[in-house]
């Protein structure tokens, strides 16, 4: 998981969320969203490298729909292909130990996903400013 500052400039990784039971998961995520004053849920869209939906995509979509109902926040889907691979590369190049990599890859992948989204929002705003 990752959160951004109010201006949408930075992405900060949070502790990796370990799912248990759906009701408990939703309650815990609702508390986290309230703590961080979340305005939207950016959810990684697990796709095959071809871009086709995966079985995990179906599970993720069903969970996200329940989460959206309970949190009453908009959901934005974002392509998560290669975020874990990029996180592993960054950690490897940074000299992280195997244990540190295992503990950090999900957090860093979430940060990379959020940074990608935030950058797209900045680019869209810049384009709109040029056209407006």
C-alpha atoms as a PDB file:
ATOM      1  CA  UNK A   1       0.000   0.000   0.000  1.00  0.00           C
ATOM      2  CA  UNK A   2       1.051   3.570  -0.602  1.00  0.00           C
ATOM      3  CA  UNK A   3      -0.362   7.016   0.056  1.00  0.00           C
ATOM      4  CA  UNK A   4       0.262  10.426  -1.418  1.00  0.00           C
ATOM      5  CA  UNK A   5       0.527  13.850   0.136  1.00  0.00           C
ATOM      6  CA  UNK A   6      -2.423  16.247  -0.234  1.00  0.00           C
ATOM      7  CA  UNK A   7      -0.928  17.865  -3.334  1.00  0.00           C
ATOM      8  CA  UNK A   8      -0.350  14.546  -5.084  1.00  0.00           C
ATOM      9  CA  UNK A   9       3.380  15.123  -5.410  1.00  0.00           C
ATOM     10  CA  UNK A  10       4.932  12.245  -3.491  1.00  0.00           C
ATOM     11  CA  UNK A  11       4.160   8.610  -2.824  1.00  0.00           C
ATOM     12  CA  UNK A  12       4.965   7.018   0.522  1.00  0.00           C
ATOM     13  CA  UNK A  13       4.906   3.278   1.077  1.00  0.00           C
ATOM     14  CA  UNK A  14       2.902   1.828   3.931  1.00  0.00           C
ATOM     15  CA  UNK A  15       3.255  -1.543   5.599  1.00  0.00           C
ATOM     16  CA  UNK A  16       2.241  -4.375   3.300  1.00  0.00           C
ATOM     17  CA  UNK A  17      -1.333  -5.406   3.996  1.00  0.00           C
ATOM     18  CA  UNK A  18      -1.795  -9.102   4.641  1.00  0.00           C
ATOM     19  CA  UNK A  19      -5.332 -10.258   3.899  1.00  0.00           C
ATOM     20  CA  UNK A  20      -7.206 -12.496   6.323  1.00  0.00           C
ATOM     21  CA  UNK A  21     -11.005 -12.596   5.978  1.00  0.00           C
ATOM     22  CA  UNK A  22     -12.923 -10.273   3.718  1.00  0.00           C
ATOM     23  CA  UNK A  23     -14.933  -8.523   6.450  1.00  0.00           C
ATOM     24  CA  UNK A  24     -11.831  -7.984   8.572  1.00  0.00           C
ATOM     25  CA  UNK A  25      -9.876  -6.843   5.533  1.00  0.00           C
ATOM     26  CA  UNK A  26     -12.490  -4.277   4.563  1.00  0.00           C
ATOM     27  CA  UNK A  27     -12.763  -2.976   8.137  1.00  0.00           C
ATOM     28  CA  UNK A  28      -8.977  -2.622   8.386  1.00  0.00           C
ATOM     29  CA  UNK A  29      -8.722  -0.910   4.998  1.00  0.00           C
ATOM     30  CA  UNK A  30     -11.579   1.424   5.896  1.00  0.00           C
ATOM     31  CA  UNK A  31      -9.692   2.451   9.022  1.00  0.00           C
ATOM     32  CA  UNK A  32      -6.510   3.028   7.027  1.00  0.00           C
ATOM     33  CA  UNK A  33      -8.409   5.097   4.436  1.00  0.00           C
ATOM     34  CA  UNK A  34      -9.933   7.243   7.182  1.00  0.00           C
ATOM     35  CA  UNK A  35      -6.594   7.671   8.951  1.00  0.00           C
ATOM     36  CA  UNK A  36      -4.954   8.909   5.752  1.00  0.00           C
ATOM     37  CA  UNK A  37      -8.048  10.863   4.578  1.00  0.00           C
ATOM     38  CA  UNK A  38      -8.121   8.930   1.301  1.00  0.00           C
ATOM     39  CA  UNK A  39     -10.005  10.518  -1.566  1.00  0.00           C
ATOM     40  CA  UNK A  40      -9.784   7.613  -3.984  1.00  0.00           C
ATOM     41  CA  UNK A  41      -8.644   4.027  -4.155  1.00  0.00           C
ATOM     42  CA  UNK A  42      -5.955   3.338  -6.719  1.00  0.00           C
ATOM     43  CA  UNK A  43      -6.017  -0.372  -7.341  1.00  0.00           C
ATOM     44  CA  UNK A  44      -3.450  -2.254  -9.361  1.00  0.00           C
ATOM     45  CA  UNK A  45      -4.996  -4.089 -12.268  1.00  0.00           C
ATOM     46  CA  UNK A  46      -3.319  -7.488 -12.597  1.00  0.00           C
ATOM     47  CA  UNK A  47      -3.067  -8.215 -16.300  1.00  0.00           C
ATOM     48  CA  UNK A  48      -1.164 -10.716 -18.383  1.00  0.00           C
ATOM     49  CA  UNK A  49       1.728  -9.232 -20.351  1.00  0.00           C
ATOM     50  CA  UNK A  50      -0.541  -9.390 -23.434  1.00  0.00           C
ATOM     51  CA  UNK A  51      -2.937  -7.007 -21.659  1.00  0.00           C
ATOM     52  CA  UNK A  52      -5.595  -9.679 -21.240  1.00  0.00           C
ATOM     53  CA  UNK A  53      -7.454 -10.027 -17.961  1.00  0.00           C
ATOM     54  CA  UNK A  54      -6.163 -12.686 -15.593  1.00  0.00           C
ATOM     55  CA  UNK A  55      -7.990 -14.845 -13.074  1.00  0.00           C
ATOM     56  CA  UNK A  56      -6.480 -12.605 -10.395  1.00  0.00           C
ATOM     57  CA  UNK A  57      -8.119  -9.647 -12.183  1.00  0.00           C
ATOM     58  CA  UNK A  58     -11.532 -11.163 -11.489  1.00  0.00           C
ATOM     59  CA  UNK A  59     -10.758 -11.684  -7.799  1.00  0.00           C
ATOM     60  CA  UNK A  60      -9.340  -8.183  -7.521  1.00  0.00           C
ATOM     61  CA  UNK A  61     -12.370  -6.629  -9.204  1.00  0.00           C
ATOM     62  CA  UNK A  62     -14.815  -8.436  -6.889  1.00  0.00           C
ATOM     63  CA  UNK A  63     -12.846  -7.364  -3.808  1.00  0.00           C
ATOM     64  CA  UNK A  64     -12.574  -3.776  -5.074  1.00  0.00           C
ATOM     65  CA  UNK A  65     -16.321  -3.570  -5.654  1.00  0.00           C
ATOM     66  CA  UNK A  66     -17.010  -4.610  -2.054  1.00  0.00           C
ATOM     67  CA  UNK A  67     -14.365  -2.231  -0.797  1.00  0.00           C
ATOM     68  CA  UNK A  68     -15.799   0.636  -2.840  1.00  0.00           C
ATOM     69  CA  UNK A  69     -19.280  -0.003  -1.438  1.00  0.00           C
ATOM     70  CA  UNK A  70     -18.035   0.120   2.149  1.00  0.00           C
ATOM     71  CA  UNK A  71     -15.663   3.067   1.769  1.00  0.00           C
ATOM     72  CA  UNK A  72     -17.785   5.131  -0.626  1.00  0.00           C
ATOM     73  CA  UNK A  73     -14.651   6.213  -2.480  1.00  0.00           C
ATOM     74  CA  UNK A  74     -14.071   6.220  -6.215  1.00  0.00           C
ATOM     75  CA  UNK A  75     -11.889   3.419  -7.566  1.00  0.00           C
ATOM     76  CA  UNK A  76      -9.241   4.032 -10.198  1.00  0.00           C
ATOM     77  CA  UNK A  77      -7.745   0.968 -11.880  1.00  0.00           C
ATOM     78  CA  UNK A  78      -4.086   1.194 -12.847  1.00  0.00           C
ATOM     79  CA  UNK A  79      -2.022  -1.263 -14.865  1.00  0.00           C
ATOM     80  CA  UNK A  80       0.362  -2.960 -12.447  1.00  0.00           C
ATOM     81  CA  UNK A  81       2.329  -4.983 -14.988  1.00  0.00           C
ATOM     82  CA  UNK A  82       6.044  -4.975 -14.246  1.00  0.00           C
ATOM     83  CA  UNK A  83       5.792  -2.965 -11.004  1.00  0.00           C
ATOM     84  CA  UNK A  84       7.085  -5.895  -8.924  1.00  0.00           C
ATOM     85  CA  UNK A  85       9.844  -6.576 -11.450  1.00  0.00           C
ATOM     86  CA  UNK A  86      10.856  -2.904 -11.370  1.00  0.00           C
ATOM     87  CA  UNK A  87      10.779  -2.903  -7.563  1.00  0.00           C
ATOM     88  CA  UNK A  88      13.014  -5.980  -7.469  1.00  0.00           C
ATOM     89  CA  UNK A  89      15.429  -4.336  -9.920  1.00  0.00           C
ATOM     90  CA  UNK A  90      15.617  -1.145  -7.845  1.00  0.00           C
ATOM     91  CA  UNK A  91      16.225  -3.119  -4.658  1.00  0.00           C
ATOM     92  CA  UNK A  92      18.856  -5.320  -6.321  1.00  0.00           C
ATOM     93  CA  UNK A  93      20.697  -2.299  -7.724  1.00  0.00           C
ATOM     94  CA  UNK A  94      20.507  -0.689  -4.298  1.00  0.00           C
ATOM     95  CA  UNK A  95      22.309  -3.678  -2.811  1.00  0.00           C
ATOM     96  CA  UNK A  96      19.401  -4.878  -0.672  1.00  0.00           C
ATOM     97  CA  UNK A  97      19.841  -8.270   0.936  1.00  0.00           C
ATOM     98  CA  UNK A  98      17.554 -11.127  -0.069  1.00  0.00           C
ATOM     99  CA  UNK A  99      15.588 -10.770   3.180  1.00  0.00           C
ATOM    100  CA  UNK A 100      15.232  -7.013   2.737  1.00  0.00           C
ATOM    101  CA  UNK A 101      14.074  -7.517  -0.849  1.00  0.00           C
ATOM    102  CA  UNK A 102      11.372  -9.971   0.207  1.00  0.00           C
ATOM    103  CA  UNK A 103      10.101  -7.547   2.858  1.00  0.00           C
ATOM    104  CA  UNK A 104      10.274  -4.468   0.629  1.00  0.00           C
ATOM    105  CA  UNK A 105       9.223  -5.490  -2.871  1.00  0.00           C
ATOM    106  CA  UNK A 106       5.442  -5.159  -2.328  1.00  0.00           C
ATOM    107  CA  UNK A 107       5.796  -1.784  -0.630  1.00  0.00           C
ATOM    108  CA  UNK A 108       8.068  -0.445  -3.355  1.00  0.00           C
ATOM    109  CA  UNK A 109       5.789  -1.837  -6.082  1.00  0.00           C
ATOM    110  CA  UNK A 110       2.864   0.054  -4.490  1.00  0.00           C
ATOM    111  CA  UNK A 111       4.939   3.245  -4.436  1.00  0.00           C
ATOM    112  CA  UNK A 112       5.892   2.796  -8.103  1.00  0.00           C
ATOM    113  CA  UNK A 113       2.246   2.215  -9.030  1.00  0.00           C
ATOM    114  CA  UNK A 114       1.140   5.364  -7.218  1.00  0.00           C
ATOM    115  CA  UNK A 115       4.016   7.421  -8.640  1.00  0.00           C
ATOM    116  CA  UNK A 116       3.014   6.327 -12.148  1.00  0.00           C
ATOM    117  CA  UNK A 117      -0.569   7.419 -11.514  1.00  0.00           C
ATOM    118  CA  UNK A 118       0.475  10.761  -9.987  1.00  0.00           C
ATOM    119  CA  UNK A 119       2.782  11.483 -12.927  1.00  0.00           C
ATOM    120  CA  UNK A 120      -0.034  10.755 -15.377  1.00  0.00           C
ATOM    121  CA  UNK A 121      -2.248  13.204 -13.474  1.00  0.00           C
ATOM    122  CA  UNK A 122       0.456  15.904 -13.631  1.00  0.00           C
ATOM    123  CA  UNK A 123       0.912  15.346 -17.368  1.00  0.00           C
ATOM    124  CA  UNK A 124      -2.840  15.469 -17.981  1.00  0.00           C
ATOM    125  CA  UNK A 125      -3.106  18.721 -16.003  1.00  0.00           C
ATOM    126  CA  UNK A 126      -0.191  20.228 -17.949  1.00  0.00           C
ATOM    127  CA  UNK A 127      -1.783  19.259 -21.280  1.00  0.00           C
ATOM    128  CA  UNK A 128      -5.096  20.701 -20.158  1.00  0.00           C
ATOM    129  CA  UNK A 129      -3.343  23.916 -19.129  1.00  0.00           C
ATOM    130  CA  UNK A 130      -1.743  24.198 -22.558  1.00  0.00           C
ATOM    131  CA  UNK A 131      -5.070  23.683 -24.289  1.00  0.00           C
ATOM    132  CA  UNK A 132      -7.141  25.815 -21.924  1.00  0.00           C
END
